[in-house]
PDB file of all heavy atoms in Angstrom:
ATOM      1  N   VAL A   1       0.854  -1.194   0.000  1.00  0.00           N
ATOM      2  CA  VAL A   1       0.000   0.000   0.000  1.00  0.00           C
ATOM      3  C   VAL A   1       0.880   1.231   0.000  1.00  0.00           C
ATOM      4  O   VAL A   1       2.048   1.189   0.395  1.00  0.00           O
ATOM      5  CB  VAL A   1      -0.956   0.017   1.208  1.00  0.00           C
ATOM      6  CG1 VAL A   1      -1.833  -1.231   1.231  1.00  0.00           C
ATOM      7  CG2 VAL A   1      -0.182   0.139   2.523  1.00  0.00           C
ATOM      8  N   ARG A   2       0.331   2.332  -0.439  1.00  0.00           N
ATOM      9  CA  ARG A   2       1.087   3.574  -0.496  1.00  0.00           C
ATOM     10  C   ARG A   2       1.326   4.110   0.916  1.00  0.00           C
ATOM     11  O   ARG A   2       0.431   4.149   1.753  1.00  0.00           O
ATOM     12  CB  ARG A   2       0.320   4.615  -1.329  1.00  0.00           C
ATOM     13  CG  ARG A   2       1.097   5.885  -1.663  1.00  0.00           C
ATOM     14  CD  ARG A   2       2.307   5.620  -2.524  1.00  0.00           C
ATOM     15  NE  ARG A   2       2.017   4.851  -3.724  1.00  0.00           N
ATOM     16  CZ  ARG A   2       1.541   5.387  -4.853  1.00  0.00           C
ATOM     17  NH1 ARG A   2       1.317   6.676  -4.935  1.00  0.00           N
ATOM     18  NH2 ARG A   2       1.309   4.627  -5.899  1.00  0.00           N
ATOM     19  N   ARG A   3       2.530   4.521   1.197  1.00  0.00           N
ATOM     20  CA  ARG A   3       2.875   5.072   2.496  1.00  0.00           C
ATOM     21  C   ARG A   3       2.310   6.478   2.638  1.00  0.00           C
ATOM     22  O   ARG A   3       1.853   7.080   1.672  1.00  0.00           O
ATOM     23  CB  ARG A   3       4.391   5.100   2.681  1.00  0.00           C
ATOM     24  CG  ARG A   3       5.125   6.022   1.711  1.00  0.00           C
ATOM     25  CD  ARG A   3       6.605   6.072   1.989  1.00  0.00           C
ATOM     26  NE  ARG A   3       6.888   6.665   3.292  1.00  0.00           N
ATOM     27  CZ  ARG A   3       8.104   6.812   3.805  1.00  0.00           C
ATOM     28  NH1 ARG A   3       9.164   6.396   3.134  1.00  0.00           N
ATOM     29  NH2 ARG A   3       8.274   7.364   4.976  1.00  0.00           N
ATOM     30  N   GLY A   4       2.361   7.030   3.870  1.00  0.00           N
ATOM     31  CA  GLY A   4       1.919   8.404   4.083  1.00  0.00           C
ATOM     32  C   GLY A   4       0.649   8.483   4.896  1.00  0.00           C
ATOM     33  O   GLY A   4       0.169   7.488   5.456  1.00  0.00           O
ATOM     34  N   ASP A   5       0.101   9.685   4.993  1.00  0.00           N
ATOM     35  CA  ASP A   5      -1.112   9.910   5.777  1.00  0.00           C
ATOM     36  C   ASP A   5      -2.212   8.949   5.359  1.00  0.00           C
ATOM     37  O   ASP A   5      -2.446   8.719   4.169  1.00  0.00           O
ATOM     38  CB  ASP A   5      -1.597  11.348   5.599  1.00  0.00           C
ATOM     39  CG  ASP A   5      -0.648  12.374   6.197  1.00  0.00           C
ATOM     40  OD1 ASP A   5       0.199  11.977   7.023  1.00  0.00           O
ATOM     41  OD2 ASP A   5      -0.753  13.561   5.831  1.00  0.00           O
ATOM     42  N   GLY A   6      -2.913   8.397   6.349  1.00  0.00           N
ATOM     43  CA  GLY A   6      -3.998   7.472   6.069  1.00  0.00           C
ATOM     44  C   GLY A   6      -3.566   6.053   5.797  1.00  0.00           C
ATOM     45  O   GLY A   6      -4.388   5.228   5.369  1.00  0.00           O
ATOM     46  N   VAL A   7      -2.295   5.721   6.060  1.00  0.00           N
ATOM     47  CA  VAL A   7      -1.815   4.385   5.723  1.00  0.00           C
ATOM     48  C   VAL A   7      -2.543   3.308   6.520  1.00  0.00           C
ATOM     49  O   VAL A   7      -2.762   2.196   6.016  1.00  0.00           O
ATOM     50  CB  VAL A   7      -0.288   4.276   5.921  1.00  0.00           C
ATOM     51  CG1 VAL A   7       0.088   4.329   7.401  1.00  0.00           C
ATOM     52  CG2 VAL A   7       0.253   3.006   5.274  1.00  0.00           C
ATOM     53  N   ALA A   8      -2.964   3.599   7.746  1.00  0.00           N
ATOM     54  CA  ALA A   8      -3.670   2.594   8.537  1.00  0.00           C
ATOM     55  C   ALA A   8      -4.970   2.182   7.844  1.00  0.00           C
ATOM     56  O   ALA A   8      -5.316   0.993   7.806  1.00  0.00           O
ATOM     57  CB  ALA A   8      -3.959   3.128   9.940  1.00  0.00           C
ATOM     58  N   ASP A   9      -5.681   3.152   7.296  1.00  0.00           N
ATOM     59  CA  ASP A   9      -6.920   2.828   6.580  1.00  0.00           C
ATOM     60  C   ASP A   9      -6.632   2.009   5.329  1.00  0.00           C
ATOM     61  O   ASP A   9      -7.382   1.089   4.989  1.00  0.00           O
ATOM     62  CB  ASP A   9      -7.659   4.110   6.205  1.00  0.00           C
ATOM     63  CG  ASP A   9      -8.165   4.869   7.424  1.00  0.00           C
ATOM     64  OD1 ASP A   9      -8.404   4.226   8.469  1.00  0.00           O
ATOM     65  OD2 ASP A   9      -8.304   6.108   7.331  1.00  0.00           O
ATOM     66  N   ARG A  10      -5.540   2.339   4.644  1.00  0.00           N
ATOM     67  CA  ARG A  10      -5.199   1.582   3.431  1.00  0.00           C
ATOM     68  C   ARG A  10      -4.785   0.150   3.758  1.00  0.00           C
ATOM     69  O   ARG A  10      -5.101  -0.778   3.014  1.00  0.00           O
ATOM     70  CB  ARG A  10      -4.100   2.311   2.648  1.00  0.00           C
ATOM     71  CG  ARG A  10      -4.588   3.603   1.996  1.00  0.00           C
ATOM     72  CD  ARG A  10      -3.572   4.178   1.027  1.00  0.00           C
ATOM     73  NE  ARG A  10      -2.383   4.715   1.692  1.00  0.00           N
ATOM     74  CZ  ARG A  10      -2.307   5.920   2.234  1.00  0.00           C
ATOM     75  NH1 ARG A  10      -3.355   6.732   2.222  1.00  0.00           N
ATOM     76  NH2 ARG A  10      -1.184   6.344   2.801  1.00  0.00           N
ATOM     77  N   ILE A  11      -4.087  -0.023   4.873  1.00  0.00           N
ATOM     78  CA  ILE A  11      -3.719  -1.376   5.294  1.00  0.00           C
ATOM     79  C   ILE A  11      -4.980  -2.181   5.598  1.00  0.00           C
ATOM     80  O   ILE A  11      -5.125  -3.334   5.153  1.00  0.00           O
ATOM     81  CB  ILE A  11      -2.792  -1.327   6.523  1.00  0.00           C
ATOM     82  CG1 ILE A  11      -1.414  -0.770   6.143  1.00  0.00           C
ATOM     83  CG2 ILE A  11      -2.650  -2.707   7.157  1.00  0.00           C
ATOM     84  CD1 ILE A  11      -0.522  -0.475   7.331  1.00  0.00           C
ATOM     85  N   ARG A  12      -5.874  -1.582   6.352  1.00  0.00           N
ATOM     86  CA  ARG A  12      -7.102  -2.290   6.737  1.00  0.00           C
ATOM     87  C   ARG A  12      -7.925  -2.675   5.510  1.00  0.00           C
ATOM     88  O   ARG A  12      -8.435  -3.792   5.410  1.00  0.00           O
ATOM     89  CB  ARG A  12      -7.914  -1.422   7.698  1.00  0.00           C
ATOM     90  CG  ARG A  12      -8.994  -2.177   8.431  1.00  0.00           C
ATOM     91  CD  ARG A  12      -9.691  -1.352   9.500  1.00  0.00           C
ATOM     92  NE  ARG A  12     -10.576  -2.203  10.270  1.00  0.00           N
ATOM     93  CZ  ARG A  12     -10.263  -2.819  11.389  1.00  0.00           C
ATOM     94  NH1 ARG A  12      -9.048  -2.657  11.900  1.00  0.00           N
ATOM     95  NH2 ARG A  12     -11.126  -3.598  12.013  1.00  0.00           N
ATOM     96  N   ALA A  13      -8.019  -1.753   4.561  1.00  0.00           N
ATOM     97  CA  ALA A  13      -8.788  -2.033   3.348  1.00  0.00           C
ATOM     98  C   ALA A  13      -8.123  -3.123   2.508  1.00  0.00           C
ATOM     99  O   ALA A  13      -8.801  -3.988   1.933  1.00  0.00           O
ATOM    100  CB  ALA A  13      -8.934  -0.757   2.523  1.00  0.00           C
ATOM    101  N   ALA A  14      -6.790  -3.122   2.453  1.00  0.00           N
ATOM    102  CA  ALA A  14      -6.071  -4.073   1.600  1.00  0.00           C
ATOM    103  C   ALA A  14      -6.255  -5.509   2.075  1.00  0.00           C
ATOM    104  O   ALA A  14      -6.308  -6.440   1.257  1.00  0.00           O
ATOM    105  CB  ALA A  14      -4.585  -3.725   1.562  1.00  0.00           C
ATOM    106  N   VAL A  15      -6.364  -5.705   3.385  1.00  0.00           N
ATOM    107  CA  VAL A  15      -6.465  -7.063   3.917  1.00  0.00           C
ATOM    108  C   VAL A  15      -7.903  -7.454   4.238  1.00  0.00           C
ATOM    109  O   VAL A  15      -8.152  -8.570   4.702  1.00  0.00           O
ATOM    110  CB  VAL A  15      -5.581  -7.235   5.171  1.00  0.00           C
ATOM    111  CG1 VAL A  15      -4.129  -6.931   4.860  1.00  0.00           C
ATOM    112  CG2 VAL A  15      -6.062  -6.363   6.329  1.00  0.00           C
ATOM    113  N   GLY A  16      -8.849  -6.530   4.004  1.00  0.00           N
ATOM    114  CA  GLY A  16     -10.241  -6.844   4.278  1.00  0.00           C
ATOM    115  C   GLY A  16     -10.561  -6.889   5.752  1.00  0.00           C
ATOM    116  O   GLY A  16     -11.433  -7.641   6.201  1.00  0.00           O
ATOM    117  N   GLY A  17      -9.879  -6.083   6.530  1.00  0.00           N
ATOM    118  CA  GLY A  17     -10.043  -6.044   7.976  1.00  0.00           C
ATOM    119  C   GLY A  17      -8.713  -5.731   8.620  1.00  0.00           C
ATOM    120  O   GLY A  17      -7.736  -5.448   7.935  1.00  0.00           O
ATOM    121  N   GLY A  18      -8.637  -5.800   9.939  1.00  0.00           N
ATOM    122  CA  GLY A  18      -7.398  -5.444  10.614  1.00  0.00           C
ATOM    123  C   GLY A  18      -6.333  -6.516  10.504  1.00  0.00           C
ATOM    124  O   GLY A  18      -6.609  -7.686  10.225  1.00  0.00           O
ATOM    125  N   VAL A  19      -5.103  -6.101  10.734  1.00  0.00           N
ATOM    126  CA  VAL A  19      -3.972  -7.034  10.757  1.00  0.00           C
ATOM    127  C   VAL A  19      -3.734  -7.501  12.189  1.00  0.00           C
ATOM    128  O   VAL A  19      -4.133  -6.847  13.153  1.00  0.00           O
ATOM    129  CB  VAL A  19      -2.695  -6.387  10.190  1.00  0.00           C
ATOM    130  CG1 VAL A  19      -2.879  -6.054   8.719  1.00  0.00           C
ATOM    131  CG2 VAL A  19      -2.297  -5.131  10.977  1.00  0.00           C
ATOM    132  N   ASP A  20      -3.074  -8.645  12.319  1.00  0.00           N
ATOM    133  CA  ASP A  20      -2.817  -9.202  13.648  1.00  0.00           C
ATOM    134  C   ASP A  20      -1.669  -8.506  14.361  1.00  0.00           C
ATOM    135  O   ASP A  20      -1.634  -8.439  15.591  1.00  0.00           O
ATOM    136  CB  ASP A  20      -2.500 -10.695  13.518  1.00  0.00           C
ATOM    137  CG  ASP A  20      -3.626 -11.454  12.847  1.00  0.00           C
ATOM    138  OD1 ASP A  20      -4.715 -11.525  13.427  1.00  0.00           O
ATOM    139  OD2 ASP A  20      -3.409 -11.965  11.724  1.00  0.00           O
ATOM    140  N   GLY A  21      -0.702  -8.003  13.591  1.00  0.00           N
ATOM    141  CA  GLY A  21       0.445  -7.347  14.182  1.00  0.00           C
ATOM    142  C   GLY A  21       1.047  -6.331  13.237  1.00  0.00           C
ATOM    143  O   GLY A  21       0.781  -6.347  12.024  1.00  0.00           O
ATOM    144  N   ILE A  22       1.836  -5.434  13.804  1.00  0.00           N
ATOM    145  CA  ILE A  22       2.525  -4.407  13.020  1.00  0.00           C
ATOM    146  C   ILE A  22       3.959  -4.316  13.512  1.00  0.00           C
ATOM    147  O   ILE A  22       4.218  -4.293  14.720  1.00  0.00           O
ATOM    148  CB  ILE A  22       1.861  -3.028  13.160  1.00  0.00           C
ATOM    149  CG1 ILE A  22       0.432  -3.049  12.623  1.00  0.00           C
ATOM    150  CG2 ILE A  22       2.672  -1.947  12.434  1.00  0.00           C
ATOM    151  CD1 ILE A  22      -0.342  -1.746  12.880  1.00  0.00           C
ATOM    152  N   ALA A  23       4.897  -4.252  12.579  1.00  0.00           N
ATOM    153  CA  ALA A  23       6.279  -3.884  12.875  1.00  0.00           C
ATOM    154  C   ALA A  23       6.461  -2.469  12.346  1.00  0.00           C
ATOM    155  O   ALA A  23       6.484  -2.249  11.126  1.00  0.00           O
ATOM    156  CB  ALA A  23       7.255  -4.846  12.222  1.00  0.00           C
ATOM    157  N   ASP A  24       6.557  -1.504  13.244  1.00  0.00           N
ATOM    158  CA  ASP A  24       6.540  -0.089  12.874  1.00  0.00           C
ATOM    159  C   ASP A  24       7.952   0.433  12.686  1.00  0.00           C
ATOM    160  O   ASP A  24       8.567   0.954  13.607  1.00  0.00           O
ATOM    161  CB  ASP A  24       5.796   0.709  13.945  1.00  0.00           C
ATOM    162  CG  ASP A  24       5.713   2.203  13.620  1.00  0.00           C
ATOM    163  OD1 ASP A  24       5.849   2.544  12.428  1.00  0.00           O
ATOM    164  OD2 ASP A  24       5.510   3.006  14.547  1.00  0.00           O
ATOM    165  N   GLY A  25       8.455   0.319  11.469  1.00  0.00           N
ATOM    166  CA  GLY A  25       9.799   0.783  11.186  1.00  0.00           C
ATOM    167  C   GLY A  25       9.894   2.247  10.848  1.00  0.00           C
ATOM    168  O   GLY A  25      11.001   2.797  10.789  1.00  0.00           O
ATOM    169  N   SER A  26       8.751   2.901  10.621  1.00  0.00           N
ATOM    170  CA  SER A  26       8.781   4.310  10.222  1.00  0.00           C
ATOM    171  C   SER A  26       8.267   5.243  11.312  1.00  0.00           C
ATOM    172  O   SER A  26       7.981   6.414  11.055  1.00  0.00           O
ATOM    173  CB  SER A  26       7.974   4.528   8.934  1.00  0.00           C
ATOM    174  OG  SER A  26       6.640   4.090   9.087  1.00  0.00           O
ATOM    175  N   LEU A  27       8.147   4.721  12.531  1.00  0.00           N
ATOM    176  CA  LEU A  27       7.821   5.542  13.712  1.00  0.00           C
ATOM    177  C   LEU A  27       6.494   6.264  13.577  1.00  0.00           C
ATOM    178  O   LEU A  27       6.356   7.443  13.935  1.00  0.00           O
ATOM    179  CB  LEU A  27       8.945   6.553  13.975  1.00  0.00           C
ATOM    180  CG  LEU A  27      10.359   5.975  14.100  1.00  0.00           C
ATOM    181  CD1 LEU A  27      11.388   7.083  14.253  1.00  0.00           C
ATOM    182  CD2 LEU A  27      10.439   5.008  15.270  1.00  0.00           C
ATOM    183  N   GLN A  28       5.476   5.559  13.082  1.00  0.00           N
ATOM    184  CA  GLN A  28       4.145   6.166  12.963  1.00  0.00           C
ATOM    185  C   GLN A  28       3.296   5.954  14.208  1.00  0.00           C
ATOM    186  O   GLN A  28       2.238   6.562  14.349  1.00  0.00           O
ATOM    187  CB  GLN A  28       3.437   5.617  11.722  1.00  0.00           C
ATOM    188  CG  GLN A  28       4.182   5.960  10.438  1.00  0.00           C
ATOM    189  CD  GLN A  28       3.418   5.559   9.203  1.00  0.00           C
ATOM    190  OE1 GLN A  28       2.287   5.985   8.981  1.00  0.00           O
ATOM    191  NE2 GLN A  28       4.030   4.728   8.381  1.00  0.00           N
ATOM    192  N   THR A  29       3.707   5.065  15.076  1.00  0.00           N
ATOM    193  CA  THR A  29       3.173   4.849  16.428  1.00  0.00           C
ATOM    194  C   THR A  29       1.641   4.831  16.470  1.00  0.00           C
ATOM    195  O   THR A  29       1.028   4.011  15.815  1.00  0.00           O
ATOM    196  CB  THR A  29       3.756   5.906  17.400  1.00  0.00           C
ATOM    197  OG1 THR A  29       3.408   7.217  16.966  1.00  0.00           O
ATOM    198  CG2 THR A  29       5.279   5.797  17.448  1.00  0.00           C
ATOM    199  N   ASP A  30       1.025   5.743  17.248  1.00  0.00           N
ATOM    200  CA  ASP A  30      -0.412   5.679  17.512  1.00  0.00           C
ATOM    201  C   ASP A  30      -1.254   5.745  16.242  1.00  0.00           C
ATOM    202  O   ASP A  30      -2.381   5.224  16.221  1.00  0.00           O
ATOM    203  CB  ASP A  30      -0.841   6.840  18.423  1.00  0.00           C
ATOM    204  CG  ASP A  30      -0.118   6.849  19.752  1.00  0.00           C
ATOM    205  OD1 ASP A  30       0.668   5.915  20.007  1.00  0.00           O
ATOM    206  OD2 ASP A  30      -0.326   7.787  20.528  1.00  0.00           O
ATOM    207  N   ASP A  31      -0.755   6.366  15.186  1.00  0.00           N
ATOM    208  CA  ASP A  31      -1.538   6.495  13.962  1.00  0.00           C
ATOM    209  C   ASP A  31      -1.846   5.148  13.327  1.00  0.00           C
ATOM    210  O   ASP A  31      -2.744   5.052  12.473  1.00  0.00           O
ATOM    211  CB  ASP A  31      -0.790   7.366  12.939  1.00  0.00           C
ATOM    212  CG  ASP A  31      -0.683   8.815  13.377  1.00  0.00           C
ATOM    213  OD1 ASP A  31      -1.448   9.227  14.275  1.00  0.00           O
ATOM    214  OD2 ASP A  31       0.173   9.533  12.818  1.00  0.00           O
ATOM    215  N   LEU A  32      -1.124   4.100  13.725  1.00  0.00           N
ATOM    216  CA  LEU A  32      -1.305   2.790  13.110  1.00  0.00           C
ATOM    217  C   LEU A  32      -2.350   1.933  13.812  1.00  0.00           C
ATOM    218  O   LEU A  32      -2.753   0.895  13.277  1.00  0.00           O
ATOM    219  CB  LEU A  32       0.032   2.042  13.097  1.00  0.00           C
ATOM    220  CG  LEU A  32       1.139   2.679  12.270  1.00  0.00           C
ATOM    221  CD1 LEU A  32       2.443   1.923  12.479  1.00  0.00           C
ATOM    222  CD2 LEU A  32       0.773   2.705  10.797  1.00  0.00           C
ATOM    223  N   VAL A  33      -2.807   2.338  14.978  1.00  0.00           N
ATOM    224  CA  VAL A  33      -3.725   1.508  15.757  1.00  0.00           C
ATOM    225  C   VAL A  33      -4.972   1.116  14.967  1.00  0.00           C
ATOM    226  O   VAL A  33      -5.424  -0.036  15.058  1.00  0.00           O
ATOM    227  CB  VAL A  33      -4.088   2.218  17.080  1.00  0.00           C
ATOM    228  CG1 VAL A  33      -5.246   1.516  17.772  1.00  0.00           C
ATOM    229  CG2 VAL A  33      -2.865   2.254  17.999  1.00  0.00           C
ATOM    230  N   PRO A  34      -5.569   2.005  14.153  1.00  0.00           N
ATOM    231  CA  PRO A  34      -6.762   1.585  13.412  1.00  0.00           C
ATOM    232  C   PRO A  34      -6.533   0.422  12.450  1.00  0.00           C
ATOM    233  O   PRO A  34      -7.504  -0.220  12.017  1.00  0.00           O
ATOM    234  CB  PRO A  34      -7.159   2.855  12.637  1.00  0.00           C
ATOM    235  CG  PRO A  34      -6.606   3.974  13.448  1.00  0.00           C
ATOM    236  CD  PRO A  34      -5.313   3.456  13.986  1.00  0.00           C
ATOM    237  N   ALA A  35      -5.291   0.134  12.102  1.00  0.00           N
ATOM    238  CA  ALA A  35      -5.011  -0.975  11.192  1.00  0.00           C
ATOM    239  C   ALA A  35      -5.069  -2.326  11.892  1.00  0.00           C
ATOM    240  O   ALA A  35      -5.087  -3.371  11.224  1.00  0.00           O
ATOM    241  CB  ALA A  35      -3.631  -0.798  10.555  1.00  0.00           C
ATOM    242  N   LEU A  36      -5.085  -2.356  13.225  1.00  0.00           N
ATOM    243  CA  LEU A  36      -5.012  -3.598  13.988  1.00  0.00           C
ATOM    244  C   LEU A  36      -6.387  -4.145  14.340  1.00  0.00           C
ATOM    245  O   LEU A  36      -7.346  -3.394  14.566  1.00  0.00           O
ATOM    246  CB  LEU A  36      -4.250  -3.360  15.294  1.00  0.00           C
ATOM    247  CG  LEU A  36      -2.732  -3.207  15.197  1.00  0.00           C
ATOM    248  CD1 LEU A  36      -2.199  -2.564  16.467  1.00  0.00           C
ATOM    249  CD2 LEU A  36      -2.064  -4.560  14.962  1.00  0.00           C
ATOM    250  N   VAL A  37      -6.481  -5.460  14.409  1.00  0.00           N
ATOM    251  CA  VAL A  37      -7.649  -6.094  14.999  1.00  0.00           C
ATOM    252  C   VAL A  37      -7.639  -5.821  16.505  1.00  0.00           C
ATOM    253  O   VAL A  37      -6.601  -5.484  17.079  1.00  0.00           O
ATOM    254  CB  VAL A  37      -7.652  -7.616  14.741  1.00  0.00           C
ATOM    255  CG1 VAL A  37      -7.715  -7.919  13.255  1.00  0.00           C
ATOM    256  CG2 VAL A  37      -6.441  -8.290  15.382  1.00  0.00           C
ATOM    257  N   ASP A  38      -8.787  -5.983  17.145  1.00  0.00           N
ATOM    258  CA  ASP A  38      -8.814  -5.904  18.600  1.00  0.00           C
ATOM    259  C   ASP A  38      -7.883  -6.973  19.166  1.00  0.00           C
ATOM    260  O   ASP A  38      -7.879  -8.123  18.712  1.00  0.00           O
ATOM    261  CB  ASP A  38     -10.233  -6.134  19.116  1.00  0.00           C
ATOM    262  CG  ASP A  38     -11.174  -4.978  18.801  1.00  0.00           C
ATOM    263  OD1 ASP A  38     -10.685  -3.927  18.333  1.00  0.00           O
ATOM    264  OD2 ASP A  38     -12.390  -5.145  18.998  1.00  0.00           O
ATOM    265  N   GLY A  39      -7.075  -6.576  20.136  1.00  0.00           N
ATOM    266  CA  GLY A  39      -6.106  -7.499  20.700  1.00  0.00           C
ATOM    267  C   GLY A  39      -4.843  -7.650  19.869  1.00  0.00           C
ATOM    268  O   GLY A  39      -4.030  -8.529  20.154  1.00  0.00           O
TER     269      GLY A  39
END
């Protein structure tokens, strides 16, 4: 997916829901939470 603002939404859309985990190499921190499944 394209990097930059809104990447969490693009990740979620690409996989059809949230991801199980994130390795945050670009220091986006809290902005990535919407990309995750609960837990």
